[in-house]
C-alpha atoms as a PDB file:
ATOM      1  CA  MET A   1      -0.075   4.062  17.929  1.00  0.00           C
ATOM      2  CA  MET A   2      -1.187   1.817  15.431  1.00  0.00           C
ATOM      3  CA  LYS A   3       0.935   1.222  11.834  1.00  0.00           C
ATOM      4  CA  ILE A   4      -0.918   1.287   8.799  1.00  0.00           C
ATOM      5  CA  ALA A   5       1.046  -0.771   5.576  1.00  0.00           C
ATOM      6  CA  VAL A   6       0.079   0.774   2.240  1.00  0.00           C
ATOM      7  CA  VAL A   7       0.723  -0.839  -0.932  1.00  0.00           C
ATOM      8  CA  ARG A   8       0.562   0.853  -4.696  1.00  0.00           C
ATOM      9  CA  VAL A   9      -0.922  -1.660  -6.172  1.00  0.00           C
ATOM     10  CA  ARG A  10      -2.079   0.127  -9.959  1.00  0.00           C
ATOM     11  CA  GLY A  11       0.929   2.168 -12.052  1.00  0.00           C
ATOM     12  CA  HIS A  12       0.779   5.866 -12.611  1.00  0.00           C
ATOM     13  CA  VAL A  13      -0.678   6.119 -16.320  1.00  0.00           C
ATOM     14  CA  ARG A  14      -3.328   8.914 -16.762  1.00  0.00           C
ATOM     15  CA  ILE A  15      -3.427  10.178 -12.531  1.00  0.00           C
ATOM     16  CA  ARG A  16      -4.893  13.399 -11.401  1.00  0.00           C
ATOM     17  CA  GLY A  17      -1.806  15.577 -10.024  1.00  0.00           C
ATOM     18  CA  ASP A  18      -3.259  15.772  -6.955  1.00  0.00           C
ATOM     19  CA  ILE A  19      -2.958  12.202  -6.277  1.00  0.00           C
ATOM     20  CA  VAL A  20       0.850  11.824  -7.978  1.00  0.00           C
ATOM     21  CA  ARG A  21       1.548  14.384  -5.182  1.00  0.00           C
ATOM     22  CA  ALA A  22      -0.187  11.854  -2.261  1.00  0.00           C
ATOM     23  CA  PHE A  23       1.954   8.768  -3.624  1.00  0.00           C
ATOM     24  CA  LYS A  24       5.154  11.719  -3.766  1.00  0.00           C
ATOM     25  CA  GLN A  25       4.589  12.202  -0.279  1.00  0.00           C
ATOM     26  CA  LEU A  26       4.092   8.508   0.713  1.00  0.00           C
ATOM     27  CA  ASN A  27       6.781   7.427  -1.152  1.00  0.00           C
ATOM     28  CA  LEU A  28       5.175   4.798  -2.573  1.00  0.00           C
ATOM     29  CA  ASN A  29       6.327   5.909  -6.903  1.00  0.00           C
ATOM     30  CA  ASN A  30       6.045   2.598  -8.325  1.00  0.00           C
ATOM     31  CA  ARG A  31       3.873  -0.463  -8.438  1.00  0.00           C
ATOM     32  CA  ASN A  32       4.009  -3.248  -5.792  1.00  0.00           C
ATOM     33  CA  TYR A  33       5.895  -0.586  -3.288  1.00  0.00           C
ATOM     34  CA  ALA A  34       4.913  -0.652   0.316  1.00  0.00           C
ATOM     35  CA  THR A  35       5.656   2.114   3.214  1.00  0.00           C
ATOM     36  CA  ILE A  36       4.283   2.184   6.789  1.00  0.00           C
ATOM     37  CA  VAL A  37       2.915   4.632   8.155  1.00  0.00           C
ATOM     38  CA  ASP A  38       1.257   6.477  11.353  1.00  0.00           C
ATOM     39  CA  ASP A  39      -2.023   6.434  12.162  1.00  0.00           C
ATOM     40  CA  THR A  40      -2.403  10.446  12.450  1.00  0.00           C
ATOM     41  CA  PRO A  41      -5.626  12.256  10.570  1.00  0.00           C
ATOM     42  CA  ALA A  42      -2.993  13.765   7.743  1.00  0.00           C
ATOM     43  CA  ALA A  43      -1.883   9.859   6.901  1.00  0.00           C
ATOM     44  CA  LEU A  44      -5.523   8.640   6.665  1.00  0.00           C
ATOM     45  CA  GLY A  45      -6.497  12.157   4.615  1.00  0.00           C
ATOM     46  CA  GLN A  46      -3.618  10.986   2.027  1.00  0.00           C
ATOM     47  CA  ILE A  47      -4.987   7.502   2.316  1.00  0.00           C
ATOM     48  CA  ARG A  48      -8.092   8.158   1.277  1.00  0.00           C
ATOM     49  CA  LYS A  49      -6.645  10.448  -1.891  1.00  0.00           C
ATOM     50  CA  ILE A  50      -5.133   7.215  -3.116  1.00  0.00           C
ATOM     51  CA  GLN A  51      -7.567   4.725  -2.385  1.00  0.00           C
ATOM     52  CA  SER A  52      -8.607   3.990  -6.591  1.00  0.00           C
ATOM     53  CA  PHE A  53      -5.052   2.961  -6.598  1.00  0.00           C
ATOM     54  CA  ALA A  54      -3.665   1.560  -3.028  1.00  0.00           C
ATOM     55  CA  THR A  55      -4.455  -0.495  -0.514  1.00  0.00           C
ATOM     56  CA  TRP A  56      -3.711  -0.616   3.187  1.00  0.00           C
ATOM     57  CA  GLY A  57      -4.418  -2.298   6.356  1.00  0.00           C
ATOM     58  CA  PRO A  58      -2.899  -2.270  10.187  1.00  0.00           C
ATOM     59  CA  VAL A  59       0.347  -3.940  10.194  1.00  0.00           C
ATOM     60  CA  SER A  60       1.937  -6.816  12.795  1.00  0.00           C
ATOM     61  CA  ASP A  61       5.567  -5.835  14.279  1.00  0.00           C
ATOM     62  CA  GLU A  62       6.232  -9.471  12.899  1.00  0.00           C
ATOM     63  CA  THR A  63       5.359  -8.577   9.592  1.00  0.00           C
ATOM     64  CA  ILE A  64       7.528  -5.240   9.125  1.00  0.00           C
ATOM     65  CA  LYS A  65      10.497  -7.572  10.849  1.00  0.00           C
ATOM     66  CA  LYS A  66      10.323  -9.257   7.524  1.00  0.00           C
ATOM     67  CA  MET A  67      10.317  -6.637   5.282  1.00  0.00           C
ATOM     68  CA  ALA A  68      13.503  -5.662   4.354  1.00  0.00           C
ATOM     69  CA  PRO A  69      13.772  -1.741   4.530  1.00  0.00           C
ATOM     70  CA  ARG A  70      15.357  -0.050   1.537  1.00  0.00           C
ATOM     71  CA  LYS A  71      16.247   4.009   2.006  1.00  0.00           C
ATOM     72  CA  ARG A  72      15.839   7.109  -0.091  1.00  0.00           C
ATOM     73  CA  GLY A  73      15.972  10.145   1.022  1.00  0.00           C
ATOM     74  CA  ASP A  74      14.105  10.852   4.794  1.00  0.00           C
ATOM     75  CA  GLY A  75      11.693   8.310   4.903  1.00  0.00           C
ATOM     76  CA  LYS A  76      11.097   3.716   3.861  1.00  0.00           C
ATOM     77  CA  PHE A  77       9.767   2.359   1.158  1.00  0.00           C
ATOM     78  CA  TYR A  78       9.530  -1.416   0.398  1.00  0.00           C
ATOM     79  CA  ALA A  79      10.457  -2.955  -2.739  1.00  0.00           C
ATOM     80  CA  LEU A  80       8.602  -5.858  -2.947  1.00  0.00           C
ATOM     81  CA  GLN A  81       7.490  -8.661  -5.957  1.00  0.00           C
ATOM     82  CA  PRO A  82       3.999  -8.587  -7.419  1.00  0.00           C
ATOM     83  CA  PRO A  83       1.940 -11.250  -5.158  1.00  0.00           C
ATOM     84  CA  ARG A  84       2.061 -14.830  -5.036  1.00  0.00           C
ATOM     85  CA  LYS A  85      -1.538 -16.267  -6.862  1.00  0.00           C
ATOM     86  CA  GLY A  86      -2.553 -12.326  -6.818  1.00  0.00           C
ATOM     87  CA  TYR A  87      -3.946  -9.504  -5.742  1.00  0.00           C
ATOM     88  CA  GLY A  88      -7.579 -10.727  -6.061  1.00  0.00           C
ATOM     89  CA  ARG A  89     -10.244 -12.871  -7.978  1.00  0.00           C
ATOM     90  CA  LYS A  90     -11.496  -9.767  -9.556  1.00  0.00           C
ATOM     91  CA  GLY A  91      -8.289  -7.645 -10.294  1.00  0.00           C
ATOM     92  CA  VAL A  92      -6.642  -4.548  -9.423  1.00  0.00           C
ATOM     93  CA  LYS A  93      -9.911  -2.392 -10.691  1.00  0.00           C
ATOM     94  CA  LEU A  94     -12.663  -3.236  -7.771  1.00  0.00           C
ATOM     95  CA  PRO A  95     -12.698  -2.674  -3.998  1.00  0.00           C
ATOM     96  CA  PHE A  96     -11.540  -5.182  -1.710  1.00  0.00           C
ATOM     97  CA  SER A  97     -15.123  -5.908   0.095  1.00  0.00           C
ATOM     98  CA  ILE A  98     -15.781  -7.313  -3.155  1.00  0.00           C
ATOM     99  CA  GLY A  99     -13.570  -9.449  -4.138  1.00  0.00           C
ATOM    100  CA  GLY A 100     -10.840  -7.105  -5.904  1.00  0.00           C
ATOM    101  CA  ALA A 101      -7.448  -5.750  -4.874  1.00  0.00           C
ATOM    102  CA  LEU A 102      -8.312  -1.750  -3.754  1.00  0.00           C
ATOM    103  CA  GLY A 103      -8.991  -0.502  -0.447  1.00  0.00           C
ATOM    104  CA  ASP A 104      -8.674  -1.680   3.306  1.00  0.00           C
ATOM    105  CA  ARG A 105      -8.051  -5.381   3.796  1.00  0.00           C
ATOM    106  CA  LYS A 106      -8.306  -4.550   7.639  1.00  0.00           C
ATOM    107  CA  GLU A 107      -6.403  -7.426   9.169  1.00  0.00           C
ATOM    108  CA  LYS A 108      -5.695  -9.763   5.626  1.00  0.00           C
ATOM    109  CA  ILE A 109      -2.887  -6.370   4.307  1.00  0.00           C
ATOM    110  CA  ASN A 110      -0.131  -8.864   6.547  1.00  0.00           C
ATOM    111  CA  ASP A 111      -1.231 -11.747   4.104  1.00  0.00           C
ATOM    112  CA  LEU A 112      -0.614  -9.801   1.230  1.00  0.00           C
ATOM    113  CA  LEU A 113       2.528  -8.089   2.440  1.00  0.00           C
ATOM    114  CA  LEU A 114       4.157 -12.068   2.944  1.00  0.00           C
ATOM    115  CA  ARG A 115       2.835 -13.067  -0.673  1.00  0.00           C
ATOM    116  CA  MET A 116       5.172 -10.432  -1.735  1.00  0.00           C
ATOM    117  CA  ILE A 117       8.070 -10.928   0.200  1.00  0.00           C
END
């Protein structure tokens, strides 16, 4: 089963309640937190809900090994640094497809995570 890395890009001000609950279920409580989830329909539904506040993509095993997990409760999360050289040229309010930071990055999520370690 494929693993997906989800990184919270935006903060917690002015967010609807259902999106806050989705972040709590994914253990993404602060900016620059990451989590690894399985490619299941339930997880993809949560990711679709938070797509305006996070970025994600399939992660490689070697990238997962380089990240140091912080255990909290029953799930793992990764507290990362802000990425060197930033998220993207157009910032954290636009989708990745047009030069921003949000949404599906596909395999480029590995590059982002390595810049955040």
